[in-house]
Amino acid sequence: MYRGTTPTLTFKLPIQTGQITALSVAIKQDGVLRLDKGLEDVTMDGDTISLTLTEDETLALRASENMPCKVQLRVGVGDTRMASQVFEVAVDEILRDGAL
């Protein structure tokens, strides 16, 4: 993803999203939790969860070939908790820093 953009992260699940009672999308970079989004921040449809990051949120990430951000989805269905694998996402630079 590029800093200063508004990308949408999409997760396809093995369950229907209507069963989900708790949710966290965590984004960590350089060992620091940069973003933690909950149920109110995502769109759920069928078996798919989508999260659109804001311009300011992606500007808070650092562009570095050696430091991708890590993304993980965790969901709760009643008392059951599940977690996705940890995905590494490259963060690319923009030539003019800051918001448009």
N, C-alpha and C. Protein backbone atom coordinates (compact mmCIF):
# COMPACT_ATOMS: atom_id res chain seq x y z
N MET A 1 0.85 -1.17 0.00
CA MET A 1 0.00 0.00 0.00
C MET A 1 0.89 1.23 0.00
N TYR A 2 0.38 2.31 -0.52
CA TYR A 2 1.12 3.58 -0.53
C TYR A 2 0.66 4.44 0.64
N ARG A 3 1.59 5.12 1.26
CA ARG A 3 1.25 6.08 2.31
C ARG A 3 0.36 7.16 1.69
N GLY A 4 -0.54 7.72 2.47
CA GLY A 4 -1.39 8.81 1.99
C GLY A 4 -2.51 8.39 1.07
N THR A 5 -2.77 7.09 1.00
CA THR A 5 -3.88 6.61 0.17
C THR A 5 -4.97 6.02 1.07
N THR A 6 -6.03 5.55 0.48
CA THR A 6 -7.15 4.99 1.23
C THR A 6 -7.44 3.55 0.77
N PRO A 7 -6.52 2.63 1.02
CA PRO A 7 -6.71 1.25 0.55
C PRO A 7 -7.79 0.53 1.35
N THR A 8 -8.37 -0.47 0.71
CA THR A 8 -9.35 -1.33 1.37
C THR A 8 -8.73 -2.71 1.56
N LEU A 9 -8.67 -3.15 2.81
CA LEU A 9 -8.20 -4.50 3.12
C LEU A 9 -9.43 -5.41 3.14
N THR A 10 -9.34 -6.54 2.46
CA THR A 10 -10.47 -7.46 2.34
C THR A 10 -10.07 -8.83 2.85
N PHE A 11 -10.92 -9.39 3.71
CA PHE A 11 -10.70 -10.71 4.28
C PHE A 11 -11.87 -11.61 3.92
N LYS A 12 -11.59 -12.76 3.32
CA LYS A 12 -12.63 -13.75 3.01
C LYS A 12 -12.54 -14.83 4.09
N LEU A 13 -13.66 -15.09 4.76
CA LEU A 13 -13.68 -15.98 5.91
C LEU A 13 -14.36 -17.32 5.60
N PRO A 14 -14.06 -18.33 6.40
CA PRO A 14 -14.73 -19.62 6.24
C PRO A 14 -16.08 -19.67 6.95
N ILE A 15 -16.53 -18.54 7.50
CA ILE A 15 -17.83 -18.45 8.18
C ILE A 15 -18.59 -17.24 7.64
N GLN A 16 -19.88 -17.20 7.92
CA GLN A 16 -20.68 -16.04 7.57
C GLN A 16 -20.46 -14.95 8.62
N THR A 17 -20.30 -13.72 8.17
CA THR A 17 -19.96 -12.62 9.07
C THR A 17 -21.09 -12.27 10.04
N GLY A 18 -22.31 -12.66 9.74
CA GLY A 18 -23.43 -12.38 10.63
C GLY A 18 -23.29 -13.06 11.98
N GLN A 19 -22.42 -14.07 12.08
CA GLN A 19 -22.18 -14.79 13.33
C GLN A 19 -21.19 -14.07 14.24
N ILE A 20 -20.45 -13.08 13.71
CA ILE A 20 -19.36 -12.45 14.45
C ILE A 20 -19.90 -11.51 15.53
N THR A 21 -19.37 -11.67 16.74
CA THR A 21 -19.79 -10.83 17.86
C THR A 21 -18.67 -9.91 18.36
N ALA A 22 -17.43 -10.18 17.95
CA ALA A 22 -16.28 -9.35 18.32
C ALA A 22 -15.27 -9.41 17.17
N LEU A 23 -14.50 -8.33 17.01
CA LEU A 23 -13.58 -8.28 15.87
C LEU A 23 -12.45 -7.30 16.16
N SER A 24 -11.26 -7.64 15.67
CA SER A 24 -10.11 -6.74 15.71
C SER A 24 -9.30 -6.92 14.45
N VAL A 25 -8.98 -5.82 13.80
CA VAL A 25 -7.99 -5.82 12.72
C VAL A 25 -6.82 -5.01 13.27
N ALA A 26 -5.70 -5.70 13.51
CA ALA A 26 -4.52 -5.05 14.09
C ALA A 26 -3.47 -4.85 13.01
N ILE A 27 -2.87 -3.66 13.01
CA ILE A 27 -1.78 -3.35 12.09
C ILE A 27 -0.60 -2.91 12.93
N LYS A 28 0.49 -3.65 12.77
CA LYS A 28 1.69 -3.41 13.56
C LYS A 28 2.86 -3.15 12.62
N GLN A 29 3.73 -2.23 13.02
CA GLN A 29 4.92 -1.96 12.22
C GLN A 29 6.08 -1.63 13.16
N ASP A 30 7.23 -2.20 12.90
CA ASP A 30 8.42 -1.98 13.70
C ASP A 30 8.17 -2.31 15.18
N GLY A 31 7.37 -3.36 15.41
CA GLY A 31 7.09 -3.79 16.77
C GLY A 31 6.09 -2.95 17.53
N VAL A 32 5.48 -1.97 16.85
CA VAL A 32 4.52 -1.06 17.50
C VAL A 32 3.14 -1.24 16.86
N LEU A 33 2.11 -1.40 17.69
CA LEU A 33 0.75 -1.48 17.18
C LEU A 33 0.35 -0.09 16.70
N ARG A 34 0.14 0.06 15.40
CA ARG A 34 -0.18 1.36 14.80
C ARG A 34 -1.69 1.60 14.70
N LEU A 35 -2.45 0.54 14.41
CA LEU A 35 -3.91 0.66 14.27
C LEU A 35 -4.57 -0.58 14.85
N ASP A 36 -5.71 -0.39 15.47
CA ASP A 36 -6.53 -1.51 15.94
C ASP A 36 -7.98 -1.12 15.68
N LYS A 37 -8.58 -1.75 14.70
CA LYS A 37 -9.94 -1.43 14.28
C LYS A 37 -10.91 -2.49 14.77
N GLY A 38 -12.16 -2.08 15.06
CA GLY A 38 -13.16 -2.99 15.59
C GLY A 38 -14.35 -3.15 14.66
N LEU A 39 -15.39 -3.78 15.19
CA LEU A 39 -16.62 -4.05 14.42
C LEU A 39 -17.20 -2.80 13.76
N GLU A 40 -17.15 -1.69 14.49
CA GLU A 40 -17.75 -0.46 13.98
C GLU A 40 -16.99 0.13 12.79
N ASP A 41 -15.77 -0.35 12.54
CA ASP A 41 -14.92 0.21 11.48
C ASP A 41 -14.95 -0.59 10.19
N VAL A 42 -15.58 -1.76 10.21
CA VAL A 42 -15.54 -2.64 9.04
C VAL A 42 -16.92 -2.75 8.39
N THR A 43 -16.90 -3.24 7.16
CA THR A 43 -18.12 -3.61 6.44
C THR A 43 -18.12 -5.12 6.31
N MET A 44 -19.24 -5.74 6.63
CA MET A 44 -19.35 -7.19 6.54
C MET A 44 -20.47 -7.55 5.58
N ASP A 45 -20.18 -8.52 4.70
CA ASP A 45 -21.17 -8.96 3.72
C ASP A 45 -20.91 -10.43 3.40
N GLY A 46 -21.86 -11.27 3.74
CA GLY A 46 -21.69 -12.71 3.47
C GLY A 46 -20.53 -13.27 4.26
N ASP A 47 -19.48 -13.68 3.54
CA ASP A 47 -18.29 -14.23 4.19
C ASP A 47 -17.08 -13.29 4.06
N THR A 48 -17.34 -12.01 3.80
CA THR A 48 -16.27 -11.06 3.53
C THR A 48 -16.30 -9.87 4.49
N ILE A 49 -15.12 -9.51 4.99
CA ILE A 49 -14.95 -8.32 5.82
C ILE A 49 -14.05 -7.36 5.06
N SER A 50 -14.44 -6.08 5.00
CA SER A 50 -13.65 -5.04 4.34
C SER A 50 -13.38 -3.91 5.32
N LEU A 51 -12.17 -3.40 5.27
CA LEU A 51 -11.76 -2.27 6.10
C LEU A 51 -11.04 -1.27 5.21
N THR A 52 -11.55 -0.06 5.12
CA THR A 52 -10.90 0.99 4.35
C THR A 52 -10.13 1.89 5.31
N LEU A 53 -8.84 2.02 5.07
CA LEU A 53 -8.00 2.89 5.89
C LEU A 53 -8.11 4.32 5.40
N THR A 54 -7.95 5.26 6.31
CA THR A 54 -8.00 6.68 5.93
C THR A 54 -6.62 7.13 5.47
N GLU A 55 -6.61 8.28 4.85
CA GLU A 55 -5.36 8.89 4.41
C GLU A 55 -4.42 9.11 5.60
N ASP A 56 -4.96 9.64 6.69
CA ASP A 56 -4.15 9.87 7.89
C ASP A 56 -3.60 8.57 8.48
N GLU A 57 -4.39 7.51 8.42
CA GLU A 57 -3.93 6.23 8.95
C GLU A 57 -2.75 5.68 8.16
N THR A 58 -2.80 5.78 6.83
CA THR A 58 -1.67 5.27 6.04
C THR A 58 -0.48 6.22 6.12
N LEU A 59 -0.72 7.50 6.35
CA LEU A 59 0.40 8.42 6.55
C LEU A 59 1.14 8.14 7.86
N ALA A 60 0.47 7.50 8.81
CA ALA A 60 1.09 7.16 10.09
C ALA A 60 2.06 5.98 9.96
N LEU A 61 2.02 5.28 8.83
CA LEU A 61 2.92 4.16 8.59
C LEU A 61 4.20 4.66 7.92
N ARG A 62 5.29 3.94 8.14
CA ARG A 62 6.57 4.33 7.55
C ARG A 62 6.83 3.52 6.30
N ALA A 63 7.32 4.20 5.26
CA ALA A 63 7.70 3.50 4.04
C ALA A 63 9.11 2.95 4.21
N SER A 64 9.26 1.65 4.01
CA SER A 64 10.56 1.01 4.14
C SER A 64 10.50 -0.37 3.53
N GLU A 65 11.48 -0.68 2.68
CA GLU A 65 11.55 -2.02 2.10
C GLU A 65 11.79 -3.07 3.17
N ASN A 66 12.49 -2.69 4.22
CA ASN A 66 12.87 -3.64 5.26
C ASN A 66 11.88 -3.71 6.41
N MET A 67 10.80 -2.91 6.34
CA MET A 67 9.87 -2.87 7.47
C MET A 67 8.42 -2.86 6.97
N PRO A 68 7.93 -4.01 6.46
CA PRO A 68 6.52 -4.04 6.07
C PRO A 68 5.65 -3.95 7.31
N CYS A 69 4.39 -3.60 7.11
CA CYS A 69 3.49 -3.67 8.26
C CYS A 69 2.90 -5.07 8.30
N LYS A 70 2.49 -5.46 9.47
CA LYS A 70 1.88 -6.77 9.67
C LYS A 70 0.40 -6.56 10.00
N VAL A 71 -0.44 -7.38 9.38
CA VAL A 71 -1.89 -7.25 9.54
C VAL A 71 -2.45 -8.58 10.00
N GLN A 72 -3.33 -8.53 11.02
CA GLN A 72 -3.99 -9.75 11.47
C GLN A 72 -5.44 -9.46 11.85
N LEU A 73 -6.32 -10.34 11.42
CA LEU A 73 -7.74 -10.27 11.76
C LEU A 73 -8.01 -11.29 12.85
N ARG A 74 -8.72 -10.85 13.89
CA ARG A 74 -9.21 -11.76 14.93
C ARG A 74 -10.71 -11.56 15.04
N VAL A 75 -11.45 -12.66 15.15
CA VAL A 75 -12.90 -12.56 15.29
C VAL A 75 -13.37 -13.44 16.43
N GLY A 76 -14.48 -13.03 16.99
CA GLY A 76 -15.14 -13.81 18.02
C GLY A 76 -16.54 -14.15 17.56
N VAL A 77 -16.93 -15.40 17.79
CA VAL A 77 -18.29 -15.87 17.54
C VAL A 77 -18.74 -16.48 18.86
N GLY A 78 -19.55 -15.71 19.59
CA GLY A 78 -19.90 -16.14 20.94
C GLY A 78 -18.64 -16.21 21.78
N ASP A 79 -18.37 -17.38 22.40
CA ASP A 79 -17.17 -17.57 23.22
C ASP A 79 -15.97 -18.09 22.43
N THR A 80 -16.16 -18.37 21.15
CA THR A 80 -15.08 -18.90 20.32
C THR A 80 -14.27 -17.75 19.72
N ARG A 81 -12.94 -17.87 19.73
CA ARG A 81 -12.05 -16.86 19.17
C ARG A 81 -11.21 -17.49 18.06
N MET A 82 -11.06 -16.76 16.95
CA MET A 82 -10.28 -17.23 15.81
C MET A 82 -9.36 -16.11 15.35
N ALA A 83 -8.23 -16.49 14.75
CA ALA A 83 -7.28 -15.51 14.25
C ALA A 83 -6.80 -15.94 12.87
N SER A 84 -6.56 -14.95 12.02
CA SER A 84 -5.99 -15.21 10.71
C SER A 84 -4.48 -15.35 10.85
N GLN A 85 -3.86 -15.80 9.79
CA GLN A 85 -2.40 -15.74 9.75
C GLN A 85 -2.00 -14.26 9.78
N VAL A 86 -0.75 -13.99 10.02
CA VAL A 86 -0.24 -12.61 9.99
C VAL A 86 0.23 -12.34 8.56
N PHE A 87 -0.35 -11.32 7.94
CA PHE A 87 0.01 -10.94 6.58
C PHE A 87 1.02 -9.80 6.63
N GLU A 88 2.03 -9.85 5.79
CA GLU A 88 2.97 -8.75 5.66
C GLU A 88 2.60 -7.93 4.44
N VAL A 89 2.48 -6.62 4.63
CA VAL A 89 2.08 -5.71 3.56
C VAL A 89 3.15 -4.64 3.42
N ALA A 90 3.69 -4.50 2.23
CA ALA A 90 4.70 -3.46 1.99
C ALA A 90 4.05 -2.08 2.07
N VAL A 91 4.79 -1.15 2.63
CA VAL A 91 4.35 0.24 2.70
C VAL A 91 5.29 1.03 1.80
N ASP A 92 4.73 1.62 0.75
CA ASP A 92 5.54 2.34 -0.23
C ASP A 92 5.49 3.84 -0.01
N GLU A 93 6.56 4.49 -0.42
CA GLU A 93 6.68 5.94 -0.24
C GLU A 93 5.83 6.71 -1.24
N ILE A 94 5.58 7.95 -0.90
CA ILE A 94 4.99 8.92 -1.82
C ILE A 94 6.00 10.06 -1.93
N LEU A 95 5.99 10.74 -3.04
CA LEU A 95 7.01 11.77 -3.29
C LEU A 95 6.77 13.04 -2.49
N ARG A 96 5.51 13.43 -2.34
CA ARG A 96 5.20 14.62 -1.53
C ARG A 96 4.46 14.13 -0.31
N ASP A 97 5.05 14.32 0.87
CA ASP A 97 4.46 13.81 2.09
C ASP A 97 3.26 14.66 2.49
N GLY A 98 2.39 14.08 3.28
CA GLY A 98 1.24 14.79 3.82
C GLY A 98 -0.03 14.48 3.06
N ALA A 99 -1.13 14.99 3.61
CA ALA A 99 -2.45 14.77 3.01
C ALA A 99 -2.65 15.66 1.79
N LEU A 100 -3.51 15.21 0.92
CA LEU A 100 -3.85 16.02 -0.27
C LEU A 100 -4.77 17.15 0.12
